[in-house]
C-alpha atoms as a PDB file:
ATOM      1  CA  MET A   1       2.031  12.125  23.092  1.00  0.00           C
ATOM      2  CA  THR A   2       0.483  10.254  25.989  1.00  0.00           C
ATOM      3  CA  GLY A   3      -2.043  10.760  28.635  1.00  0.00           C
ATOM      4  CA  LEU A   4      -5.699  11.682  29.016  1.00  0.00           C
ATOM      5  CA  SER A   5      -7.796  14.804  28.366  1.00  0.00           C
ATOM      6  CA  VAL A   6     -11.235  15.153  29.874  1.00  0.00           C
ATOM      7  CA  VAL A   7     -13.648  17.596  28.249  1.00  0.00           C
ATOM      8  CA  VAL A   8     -16.613  18.809  30.199  1.00  0.00           C
ATOM      9  CA  PRO A   9     -19.238  21.080  28.402  1.00  0.00           C
ATOM     10  CA  ALA A  10     -21.014  23.420  30.845  1.00  0.00           C
ATOM     11  CA  PHE A  11     -23.901  25.720  30.604  1.00  0.00           C
ATOM     12  CA  ASN A  12     -25.274  27.338  33.765  1.00  0.00           C
ATOM     13  CA  GLU A  13     -23.573  24.574  35.880  1.00  0.00           C
ATOM     14  CA  ALA A  14     -22.671  26.824  38.861  1.00  0.00           C
ATOM     15  CA  ARG A  15     -24.556  24.542  41.164  1.00  0.00           C
ATOM     16  CA  ARG A  16     -22.286  21.478  40.627  1.00  0.00           C
ATOM     17  CA  ILE A  17     -19.285  22.276  38.485  1.00  0.00           C
ATOM     18  CA  GLY A  18     -17.085  22.767  41.431  1.00  0.00           C
ATOM     19  CA  ARG A  19     -17.922  19.241  42.743  1.00  0.00           C
ATOM     20  CA  THR A  20     -17.417  17.965  39.320  1.00  0.00           C
ATOM     21  CA  ILE A  21     -13.920  19.330  38.944  1.00  0.00           C
ATOM     22  CA  GLU A  22     -12.997  18.069  42.423  1.00  0.00           C
ATOM     23  CA  ARG A  23     -14.010  14.567  41.576  1.00  0.00           C
ATOM     24  CA  LEU A  24     -12.126  14.739  38.269  1.00  0.00           C
ATOM     25  CA  GLN A  25      -9.005  16.003  39.950  1.00  0.00           C
ATOM     26  CA  GLN A  26      -9.075  13.411  42.585  1.00  0.00           C
ATOM     27  CA  TYR A  27      -9.272  10.660  40.072  1.00  0.00           C
ATOM     28  CA  LEU A  28      -6.758  11.956  37.527  1.00  0.00           C
ATOM     29  CA  ARG A  29      -4.169  12.486  40.193  1.00  0.00           C
ATOM     30  CA  THR A  30      -3.983   8.660  40.678  1.00  0.00           C
ATOM     31  CA  LEU A  31      -2.903   8.127  37.033  1.00  0.00           C
ATOM     32  CA  PRO A  32       0.681   7.780  36.252  1.00  0.00           C
ATOM     33  CA  GLU A  33       0.536   9.988  33.130  1.00  0.00           C
ATOM     34  CA  PRO A  34      -0.210  13.415  31.995  1.00  0.00           C
ATOM     35  CA  THR A  35      -3.760  14.573  32.241  1.00  0.00           C
ATOM     36  CA  GLU A  36      -5.819  17.762  31.885  1.00  0.00           C
ATOM     37  CA  ILE A  37      -9.346  18.947  32.350  1.00  0.00           C
ATOM     38  CA  ILE A  38     -10.967  21.189  29.830  1.00  0.00           C
ATOM     39  CA  ILE A  39     -14.144  23.010  30.846  1.00  0.00           C
ATOM     40  CA  VAL A  40     -16.080  24.602  27.989  1.00  0.00           C
ATOM     41  CA  ASP A  41     -18.351  27.308  29.254  1.00  0.00           C
ATOM     42  CA  ASP A  42     -21.034  27.760  26.801  1.00  0.00           C
ATOM     43  CA  GLY A  43     -22.170  31.337  27.443  1.00  0.00           C
ATOM     44  CA  SER A  44     -23.324  30.574  31.124  1.00  0.00           C
ATOM     45  CA  ARG A  45     -24.890  33.428  32.956  1.00  0.00           C
ATOM     46  CA  ASP A  46     -24.781  32.014  36.444  1.00  0.00           C
ATOM     47  CA  GLY A  47     -21.030  32.351  37.373  1.00  0.00           C
ATOM     48  CA  THR A  48     -19.951  28.995  36.153  1.00  0.00           C
ATOM     49  CA  ALA A  49     -16.611  30.491  34.901  1.00  0.00           C
ATOM     50  CA  ALA A  50     -15.798  32.092  38.273  1.00  0.00           C
ATOM     51  CA  ILE A  51     -16.362  28.800  39.999  1.00  0.00           C
ATOM     52  CA  VAL A  52     -14.090  26.943  37.475  1.00  0.00           C
ATOM     53  CA  SER A  53     -11.382  29.548  38.087  1.00  0.00           C
ATOM     54  CA  ALA A  54     -11.587  29.144  41.833  1.00  0.00           C
ATOM     55  CA  HIS A  55     -10.789  25.381  41.379  1.00  0.00           C
ATOM     56  CA  ALA A  56      -7.662  25.804  39.468  1.00  0.00           C
ATOM     57  CA  ALA A  57      -4.914  23.549  40.396  1.00  0.00           C
ATOM     58  CA  PRO A  58      -1.407  22.742  39.010  1.00  0.00           C
ATOM     59  CA  GLN A  59      -2.151  19.002  38.661  1.00  0.00           C
ATOM     60  CA  PRO A  60      -4.025  18.159  36.744  1.00  0.00           C
ATOM     61  CA  PRO A  61      -4.128  21.544  34.848  1.00  0.00           C
ATOM     62  CA  VAL A  62      -7.587  23.026  34.298  1.00  0.00           C
ATOM     63  CA  ARG A  63      -8.238  24.915  30.971  1.00  0.00           C
ATOM     64  CA  LEU A  64     -11.324  27.108  30.675  1.00  0.00           C
ATOM     65  CA  LEU A  65     -12.696  27.760  27.360  1.00  0.00           C
ATOM     66  CA  GLN A  66     -15.596  30.496  27.200  1.00  0.00           C
ATOM     67  CA  SER A  67     -18.033  31.509  24.551  1.00  0.00           C
ATOM     68  CA  ALA A  68     -19.870  34.760  24.615  1.00  0.00           C
ATOM     69  CA  GLN A  69     -23.179  33.127  24.001  1.00  0.00           C
ATOM     70  CA  ASN A  70     -24.827  29.720  24.119  1.00  0.00           C
ATOM     71  CA  LEU A  71     -23.928  27.870  20.873  1.00  0.00           C
ATOM     72  CA  GLY A  72     -25.080  24.338  21.976  1.00  0.00           C
ATOM     73  CA  LYS A  73     -23.747  21.205  23.528  1.00  0.00           C
ATOM     74  CA  GLY A  74     -22.430  19.870  20.316  1.00  0.00           C
ATOM     75  CA  ALA A  75     -20.401  22.988  19.493  1.00  0.00           C
ATOM     76  CA  SER A  76     -19.056  23.100  23.041  1.00  0.00           C
ATOM     77  CA  VAL A  77     -17.941  19.429  22.991  1.00  0.00           C
ATOM     78  CA  ARG A  78     -16.380  19.887  19.587  1.00  0.00           C
ATOM     79  CA  ARG A  79     -14.450  22.934  20.698  1.00  0.00           C
ATOM     80  CA  GLY A  80     -13.062  21.175  23.734  1.00  0.00           C
ATOM     81  CA  VAL A  81     -12.122  17.979  21.981  1.00  0.00           C
ATOM     82  CA  LEU A  82     -10.254  19.882  19.283  1.00  0.00           C
ATOM     83  CA  ALA A  83      -8.275  21.795  21.991  1.00  0.00           C
ATOM     84  CA  ALA A  84      -7.264  18.432  23.810  1.00  0.00           C
ATOM     85  CA  ALA A  85      -3.571  17.710  23.994  1.00  0.00           C
ATOM     86  CA  HIS A  86      -3.282  14.140  25.100  1.00  0.00           C
ATOM     87  CA  GLN A  87      -3.378  10.706  23.364  1.00  0.00           C
ATOM     88  CA  GLN A  88      -6.874   9.777  24.564  1.00  0.00           C
ATOM     89  CA  VAL A  89      -9.797  12.175  24.768  1.00  0.00           C
ATOM     90  CA  LEU A  90     -12.862  11.680  26.900  1.00  0.00           C
ATOM     91  CA  PHE A  91     -15.899  13.888  27.042  1.00  0.00           C
ATOM     92  CA  THR A  92     -18.294  13.582  29.938  1.00  0.00           C
ATOM     93  CA  ASP A  93     -21.393  15.470  31.108  1.00  0.00           C
ATOM     94  CA  ALA A  94     -21.062  17.775  33.954  1.00  0.00           C
ATOM     95  CA  ASP A  95     -23.274  15.778  36.233  1.00  0.00           C
ATOM     96  CA  LEU A  96     -20.898  12.752  36.021  1.00  0.00           C
ATOM     97  CA  ALA A  97     -23.888  10.501  35.740  1.00  0.00           C
ATOM     98  CA  THR A  98     -21.339   7.988  34.602  1.00  0.00           C
ATOM     99  CA  PRO A  99     -18.724   8.008  37.352  1.00  0.00           C
ATOM    100  CA  ILE A 100     -15.218   9.035  36.027  1.00  0.00           C
ATOM    101  CA  GLU A 101     -13.858   5.741  37.218  1.00  0.00           C
ATOM    102  CA  GLU A 102     -15.748   4.024  34.452  1.00  0.00           C
ATOM    103  CA  VAL A 103     -13.360   5.392  31.940  1.00  0.00           C
ATOM    104  CA  THR A 104     -11.050   2.363  32.684  1.00  0.00           C
ATOM    105  CA  LYS A 105     -13.576   0.140  30.996  1.00  0.00           C
ATOM    106  CA  LEU A 106     -13.474   2.414  27.881  1.00  0.00           C
ATOM    107  CA  ARG A 107      -9.702   2.693  27.901  1.00  0.00           C
ATOM    108  CA  ARG A 108      -9.581  -1.151  27.879  1.00  0.00           C
ATOM    109  CA  ALA A 109     -11.696  -1.112  24.716  1.00  0.00           C
ATOM    110  CA  LEU A 110      -9.224   1.216  23.098  1.00  0.00           C
ATOM    111  CA  ARG A 111      -6.319  -0.967  24.185  1.00  0.00           C
ATOM    112  CA  SER A 112      -8.097  -3.883  22.447  1.00  0.00           C
ATOM    113  CA  GLY A 113      -8.146  -2.022  19.159  1.00  0.00           C
ATOM    114  CA  ALA A 114     -11.111   0.369  19.217  1.00  0.00           C
ATOM    115  CA  ASP A 115     -10.813   3.877  17.973  1.00  0.00           C
ATOM    116  CA  VAL A 116     -14.064   5.093  19.712  1.00  0.00           C
ATOM    117  CA  ALA A 117     -15.443   3.696  22.836  1.00  0.00           C
ATOM    118  CA  VAL A 118     -19.118   4.591  23.659  1.00  0.00           C
ATOM    119  CA  ALA A 119     -20.574   4.175  27.272  1.00  0.00           C
ATOM    120  CA  SER A 120     -23.975   2.471  27.277  1.00  0.00           C
ATOM    121  CA  ARG A 121     -26.873   2.400  29.623  1.00  0.00           C
ATOM    122  CA  ARG A 122     -28.806  -0.172  27.600  1.00  0.00           C
ATOM    123  CA  LEU A 123     -26.662  -3.330  27.398  1.00  0.00           C
ATOM    124  CA  ALA A 124     -27.428  -6.359  29.480  1.00  0.00           C
ATOM    125  CA  ALA A 125     -24.316  -5.720  31.576  1.00  0.00           C
ATOM    126  CA  SER A 126     -25.071  -2.036  32.156  1.00  0.00           C
ATOM    127  CA  ASP A 127     -25.723  -0.973  35.785  1.00  0.00           C
ATOM    128  CA  VAL A 128     -28.370   1.814  35.936  1.00  0.00           C
ATOM    129  CA  GLN A 129     -28.486   2.542  39.656  1.00  0.00           C
ATOM    130  CA  LEU A 130     -30.881   5.381  39.482  1.00  0.00           C
ATOM    131  CA  GLY A 131     -33.183   5.574  36.446  1.00  0.00           C
ATOM    132  CA  GLN A 132     -34.743   8.636  34.852  1.00  0.00           C
ATOM    133  CA  PRO A 133     -38.356   9.826  35.519  1.00  0.00           C
ATOM    134  CA  TRP A 134     -40.614   7.688  33.344  1.00  0.00           C
ATOM    135  CA  PRO A 135     -41.349  10.320  30.586  1.00  0.00           C
ATOM    136  CA  ARG A 136     -37.700  10.815  29.835  1.00  0.00           C
ATOM    137  CA  ARG A 137     -37.022   7.168  30.081  1.00  0.00           C
ATOM    138  CA  VAL A 138     -39.652   6.349  27.515  1.00  0.00           C
ATOM    139  CA  ALA A 139     -38.657   9.208  25.260  1.00  0.00           C
ATOM    140  CA  GLY A 140     -35.015   8.091  25.468  1.00  0.00           C
ATOM    141  CA  ALA A 141     -35.746   4.495  24.644  1.00  0.00           C
ATOM    142  CA  LEU A 142     -37.939   5.492  21.668  1.00  0.00           C
ATOM    143  CA  PHE A 143     -35.273   7.855  20.395  1.00  0.00           C
ATOM    144  CA  SER A 144     -32.519   5.125  20.827  1.00  0.00           C
ATOM    145  CA  LYS A 145     -34.635   2.597  18.926  1.00  0.00           C
ATOM    146  CA  LEU A 146     -35.254   5.010  16.216  1.00  0.00           C
ATOM    147  CA  VAL A 147     -31.621   5.943  15.729  1.00  0.00           C
ATOM    148  CA  SER A 148     -30.557   2.306  15.951  1.00  0.00           C
ATOM    149  CA  THR A 149     -33.083   1.373  13.196  1.00  0.00           C
ATOM    150  CA  LEU A 150     -32.468   4.176  10.828  1.00  0.00           C
ATOM    151  CA  LEU A 151     -28.808   5.046  11.184  1.00  0.00           C
ATOM    152  CA  LEU A 152     -26.887   2.976  13.738  1.00  0.00           C
ATOM    153  CA  PRO A 153     -27.771  -0.633  13.805  1.00  0.00           C
ATOM    154  CA  GLY A 154     -25.983  -2.478  16.593  1.00  0.00           C
ATOM    155  CA  ILE A 155     -25.603   0.727  18.830  1.00  0.00           C
ATOM    156  CA  SER A 156     -28.105   0.705  21.641  1.00  0.00           C
ATOM    157  CA  ASP A 157     -27.345   3.943  23.320  1.00  0.00           C
ATOM    158  CA  SER A 158     -26.055   6.786  21.048  1.00  0.00           C
ATOM    159  CA  GLN A 159     -26.796   9.532  23.665  1.00  0.00           C
ATOM    160  CA  CYS A 160     -24.803   8.496  26.813  1.00  0.00           C
ATOM    161  CA  GLY A 161     -22.604  11.515  27.574  1.00  0.00           C
ATOM    162  CA  PHE A 162     -19.458   9.493  28.114  1.00  0.00           C
ATOM    163  CA  LYS A 163     -17.306   8.750  25.131  1.00  0.00           C
ATOM    164  CA  LEU A 164     -13.571   8.119  24.672  1.00  0.00           C
ATOM    165  CA  PHE A 165     -11.444   8.611  21.491  1.00  0.00           C
ATOM    166  CA  THR A 166      -7.904   8.228  20.285  1.00  0.00           C
ATOM    167  CA  HIS A 167      -6.512  11.606  19.720  1.00  0.00           C
ATOM    168  CA  ALA A 168      -6.383  10.937  15.889  1.00  0.00           C
ATOM    169  CA  ALA A 169      -9.856   9.838  15.757  1.00  0.00           C
ATOM    170  CA  ALA A 170     -11.208  12.738  17.815  1.00  0.00           C
ATOM    171  CA  GLN A 171      -9.434  15.318  15.591  1.00  0.00           C
ATOM    172  CA  ASP A 172     -10.696  13.848  12.462  1.00  0.00           C
ATOM    173  CA  LEU A 173     -14.284  13.209  13.479  1.00  0.00           C
ATOM    174  CA  PHE A 174     -14.924  16.470  15.352  1.00  0.00           C
ATOM    175  CA  SER A 175     -13.425  18.533  12.548  1.00  0.00           C
ATOM    176  CA  HIS A 176     -16.240  17.447  10.323  1.00  0.00           C
ATOM    177  CA  LEU A 177     -19.367  17.531  12.478  1.00  0.00           C
ATOM    178  CA  TRP A 178     -22.190  19.889  11.490  1.00  0.00           C
ATOM    179  CA  ILE A 179     -24.699  19.662  14.353  1.00  0.00           C
ATOM    180  CA  ASP A 180     -24.334  21.924  17.295  1.00  0.00           C
ATOM    181  CA  GLY A 181     -27.017  20.610  19.453  1.00  0.00           C
ATOM    182  CA  PHE A 182     -27.850  17.367  21.376  1.00  0.00           C
ATOM    183  CA  SER A 183     -27.920  15.115  18.281  1.00  0.00           C
ATOM    184  CA  PHE A 184     -24.220  15.589  17.579  1.00  0.00           C
ATOM    185  CA  ASP A 185     -23.720  12.214  19.143  1.00  0.00           C
ATOM    186  CA  VAL A 186     -25.680  10.542  16.350  1.00  0.00           C
ATOM    187  CA  GLU A 187     -23.767  12.429  13.624  1.00  0.00           C
ATOM    188  CA  LEU A 188     -20.462  11.650  15.356  1.00  0.00           C
ATOM    189  CA  LEU A 189     -21.123   7.935  15.307  1.00  0.00           C
ATOM    190  CA  VAL A 190     -22.551   7.741  11.741  1.00  0.00           C
ATOM    191  CA  LEU A 191     -19.369   9.569  10.626  1.00  0.00           C
ATOM    192  CA  ALA A 192     -17.159   7.246  12.628  1.00  0.00           C
ATOM    193  CA  ARG A 193     -18.676   4.229  10.919  1.00  0.00           C
ATOM    194  CA  LYS A 194     -18.580   5.838   7.315  1.00  0.00           C
ATOM    195  CA  ARG A 195     -14.886   6.648   7.994  1.00  0.00           C
ATOM    196  CA  ARG A 196     -14.285   3.011   9.077  1.00  0.00           C
ATOM    197  CA  TYR A 197     -13.302   3.646  12.706  1.00  0.00           C
ATOM    198  CA  ARG A 198     -13.704   0.832  15.116  1.00  0.00           C
ATOM    199  CA  VAL A 199     -16.435   1.621  17.528  1.00  0.00           C
ATOM    200  CA  ALA A 200     -16.945  -0.289  20.757  1.00  0.00           C
ATOM    201  CA  GLU A 201     -20.086   0.036  22.984  1.00  0.00           C
ATOM    202  CA  VAL A 202     -19.237  -0.591  26.624  1.00  0.00           C
ATOM    203  CA  PRO A 203     -21.586  -1.285  29.499  1.00  0.00           C
ATOM    204  CA  VAL A 204     -21.049   1.158  32.399  1.00  0.00           C
ATOM    205  CA  VAL A 205     -22.497   2.141  35.795  1.00  0.00           C
ATOM    206  CA  TRP A 206     -24.991   5.077  35.389  1.00  0.00           C
ATOM    207  CA  LYS A 207     -27.002   7.238  37.724  1.00  0.00           C
ATOM    208  CA  ASP A 208     -29.465   9.962  36.854  1.00  0.00           C
ATOM    209  CA  GLY A 209     -28.283  13.411  37.758  1.00  0.00           C
ATOM    210  CA  ASP A 210     -30.020  15.485  40.235  1.00  0.00           C
ATOM    211  CA  GLN A 211     -30.508  18.382  37.846  1.00  0.00           C
ATOM    212  CA  THR A 212     -31.664  18.554  34.310  1.00  0.00           C
ATOM    213  CA  HIS A 213     -32.389  21.402  31.999  1.00  0.00           C
ATOM    214  CA  VAL A 214     -33.965  19.340  29.327  1.00  0.00           C
ATOM    215  CA  ARG A 215     -37.289  20.621  27.945  1.00  0.00           C
ATOM    216  CA  LEU A 216     -38.570  17.196  26.956  1.00  0.00           C
ATOM    217  CA  LEU A 217     -40.994  18.088  24.138  1.00  0.00           C
ATOM    218  CA  ARG A 218     -39.043  20.838  22.404  1.00  0.00           C
ATOM    219  CA  ASP A 219     -35.716  19.387  22.726  1.00  0.00           C
ATOM    220  CA  SER A 220     -36.964  15.854  21.579  1.00  0.00           C
ATOM    221  CA  LEU A 221     -38.553  17.489  18.525  1.00  0.00           C
ATOM    222  CA  ALA A 222     -35.306  19.205  17.724  1.00  0.00           C
ATOM    223  CA  MET A 223     -33.352  15.961  18.034  1.00  0.00           C
ATOM    224  CA  LEU A 224     -35.822  14.167  15.688  1.00  0.00           C
ATOM    225  CA  ARG A 225     -35.381  16.850  13.162  1.00  0.00           C
ATOM    226  CA  ASP A 226     -31.536  16.555  13.363  1.00  0.00           C
ATOM    227  CA  VAL A 227     -31.806  12.752  12.967  1.00  0.00           C
ATOM    228  CA  GLY A 228     -33.746  13.429   9.774  1.00  0.00           C
ATOM    229  CA  ARG A 229     -31.100  15.843   8.547  1.00  0.00           C
ATOM    230  CA  VAL A 230     -28.358  13.329   9.312  1.00  0.00           C
ATOM    231  CA  ARG A 231     -30.197  10.531   7.452  1.00  0.00           C
ATOM    232  CA  LEU A 232     -30.598  12.843   4.420  1.00  0.00           C
ATOM    233  CA  ARG A 233     -26.867  13.874   4.370  1.00  0.00           C
ATOM    234  CA  ALA A 234     -25.966  10.198   4.746  1.00  0.00           C
ATOM    235  CA  ALA A 235     -28.252   9.286   1.800  1.00  0.00           C
ATOM    236  CA  ARG A 236     -26.449  12.016  -0.216  1.00  0.00           C
ATOM    237  CA  GLY A 237     -23.087  10.655   0.646  1.00  0.00           C
ATOM    238  CA  ALA A 238     -22.072  13.569   2.861  1.00  0.00           C
ATOM    239  CA  TYR A 239     -20.460  11.197   5.314  1.00  0.00           C
ATOM    240  CA  ASP A 240     -18.956   8.746   3.028  1.00  0.00           C
ATOM    241  CA  THR A 241     -15.270   7.753   3.492  1.00  0.00           C
ATOM    242  CA  VAL A 242     -12.932   9.852   1.296  1.00  0.00           C
ATOM    243  CA  GLU A 243      -9.511   9.036  -0.120  1.00  0.00           C
ATOM    244  CA  GLU A 244      -6.568   9.286   2.052  1.00  0.00           C
ATOM    245  CA  GLY A 245      -5.050  12.839   2.056  1.00  0.00           C
ATOM    246  CA  THR A 246      -8.478  14.623   1.575  1.00  0.00           C
ATOM    247  CA  THR A 247     -11.006  15.851   3.975  1.00  0.00           C
ATOM    248  CA  LEU A 248     -14.806  16.415   4.146  1.00  0.00           C
ATOM    249  CA  ARG A 249     -15.551  20.131   3.948  1.00  0.00           C
ATOM    250  CA  PRO A 250     -16.384  21.369   7.462  1.00  0.00           C
ATOM    251  CA  ARG A 251     -19.154  23.908   7.940  1.00  0.00           C
ATOM    252  CA  ARG A 252     -16.698  26.296   9.704  1.00  0.00           C
ATOM    253  CA  PRO A 253     -13.050  26.521   8.517  1.00  0.00           C
ATOM    254  CA  ILE A 254     -10.770  25.300  11.277  1.00  0.00           C
ATOM    255  CA  ARG A 255      -7.765  27.631  11.699  1.00  0.00           C
ATOM    256  CA  ARG A 256      -4.519  26.024  12.283  1.00  0.00           C
ATOM    257  CA  HIS A 257      -1.793  27.754  14.248  1.00  0.00           C
ATOM    258  CA  THR A 258       1.908  27.041  14.280  1.00  0.00           C
ATOM    259  CA  ASN A 259       2.919  29.442  16.969  1.00  0.00           C
ATOM    260  CA  THR A 260       2.542  28.804  20.730  1.00  0.00           C
ATOM    261  CA  ASP A 261       1.447  31.029  23.544  1.00  0.00           C
ATOM    262  CA  ARG A 262       3.628  32.056  26.453  1.00  0.00           C
ATOM    263  CA  ASP A 263       3.020  28.718  28.188  1.00  0.00           C
ATOM    264  CA  GLY A 264       4.161  26.732  25.311  1.00  0.00           C
ATOM    265  CA  VAL A 265       0.622  25.615  24.485  1.00  0.00           C
ATOM    266  CA  PRO A 266      -0.666  25.981  20.960  1.00  0.00           C
ATOM    267  CA  PRO A 267      -3.433  28.477  21.036  1.00  0.00           C
ATOM    268  CA  VAL A 268      -6.951  27.218  20.355  1.00  0.00           C
ATOM    269  CA  SER A 269      -8.516  28.030  17.067  1.00  0.00           C
ATOM    270  CA  THR A 270     -11.325  30.231  18.347  1.00  0.00           C
ATOM    271  CA  GLU A 271     -14.630  31.373  16.877  1.00  0.00           C
ATOM    272  CA  SER A 272     -15.522  35.044  17.300  1.00  0.00           C
ATOM    273  CA  GLY A 273     -16.716  35.768  20.755  1.00  0.00           C
ATOM    274  CA  SER A 274     -14.893  32.937  22.375  1.00  0.00           C
ATOM    275  CA  ARG A 275     -11.721  32.882  24.452  1.00  0.00           C
ATOM    276  CA  GLU A 276      -9.402  30.371  26.247  1.00  0.00           C
ATOM    277  CA  THR A 277      -8.164  30.889  29.775  1.00  0.00           C
ATOM    278  CA  HIS A 278      -5.321  28.977  31.354  1.00  0.00           C
ATOM    279  CA  LEU A 279      -6.114  29.263  34.989  1.00  0.00           C
ATOM    280  CA  ASP A 280      -2.694  30.252  36.113  1.00  0.00           C
ATOM    281  CA  ARG A 281      -3.300  33.706  34.761  1.00  0.00           C
ATOM    282  CA  PRO A 282      -6.358  36.143  34.857  1.00  0.00           C
ATOM    283  CA  ILE A 283      -9.250  35.792  32.688  1.00  0.00           C
ATOM    284  CA  ASP A 284      -9.482  38.451  29.796  1.00  0.00           C
ATOM    285  CA  ARG A 285     -13.089  39.825  30.533  1.00  0.00           C
ATOM    286  CA  ASP A 286     -13.068  41.982  27.518  1.00  0.00           C
ATOM    287  CA  ALA A 287     -11.752  39.469  25.001  1.00  0.00           C
ATOM    288  CA  GLY A 288     -13.979  38.632  22.035  1.00  0.00           C
ATOM    289  CA  ASP A 289     -17.043  40.273  20.419  1.00  0.00           C
ATOM    290  CA  ARG A 290     -20.134  38.428  19.289  1.00  0.00           C
ATOM    291  CA  HIS A 291     -20.110  37.607  15.651  1.00  0.00           C
ATOM    292  CA  PRO A 292     -23.188  38.790  13.868  1.00  0.00           C
ATOM    293  CA  GLU A 293     -23.556  35.513  12.020  1.00  0.00           C
ATOM    294  CA  THR A 294     -23.274  33.399  15.179  1.00  0.00           C
ATOM    295  CA  ARG A 295     -26.648  31.913  16.089  1.00  0.00           C
ATOM    296  CA  PRO A 296     -27.676  30.900  19.677  1.00  0.00           C
ATOM    297  CA  GLY A 297     -27.585  27.224  20.366  1.00  0.00           C
ATOM    298  CA  ARG A 298     -29.038  24.787  22.858  1.00  0.00           C
ATOM    299  CA  HIS A 299     -27.051  23.211  25.439  1.00  0.00           C
ATOM    300  CA  ARG A 300     -28.207  20.842  28.255  1.00  0.00           C
ATOM    301  CA  SER A 301     -25.977  18.421  30.208  1.00  0.00           C
ATOM    302  CA  ALA A 302     -28.325  15.546  30.397  1.00  0.00           C
ATOM    303  CA  SER A 303     -29.152  13.154  27.562  1.00  0.00           C
ATOM    304  CA  PRO A 304     -32.483  11.691  26.673  1.00  0.00           C
END
């Protein structure tokens, strides 16, 4: 299995998702290997899915995964990553604040032996070309310091929305995440360290996006609450490395399929109310019903 899968979570991204797909397609077509783009529409209400469909192209293929309601950014990234087919899996925010070309730096880290490569805006060699407004900048710096002190010493930027994984590491880690919201990055990196994956932090070019949905106070408080939960679970041993051949118990069972669909692609394990669309055939508008136990989530593309 070779190639690169690019996962993009999207919630009400009609304004820019078309440009994002075009930029990704332009770059991926230059690579001499199989690639794919996976857009995870997290219950958008602004026509995001229709715009994704309009940008379908045979190379690289575009896969659209849709949820009937907003489940949260962490849930969307998890679903997209677990559906990825290729040897390396990148997730990136829809604003491409880190240019897709920066993935070459992360891929170099994987070739050097890392299992997880994390883009960083806070290293000395990072190139922040357009910073965030000062309230978000201060909140982000304080959050990063808190996370580094309490949970991830040595990691200066857990929240940059640009991370690359080997396929094996991605499948293992994302199968065992609990958090659906913004703080999934923190839990992801805590779990990676507990399971002894090699994590590399890589300085990148970064430019603040022209659109943000973040509600600074409310979302920051939710993230702090989640950090407390991760710290408590870590103290209880919930993320500790387990013996080979066993797994941590995920919150949701992950259904495995042995059959394939008519395109020869293994069907995605779907939650109720979700569907996958291969963009060479029509979207099933009636597929999926909302599960009564599914709770609405929070999904914003920008990170503190």
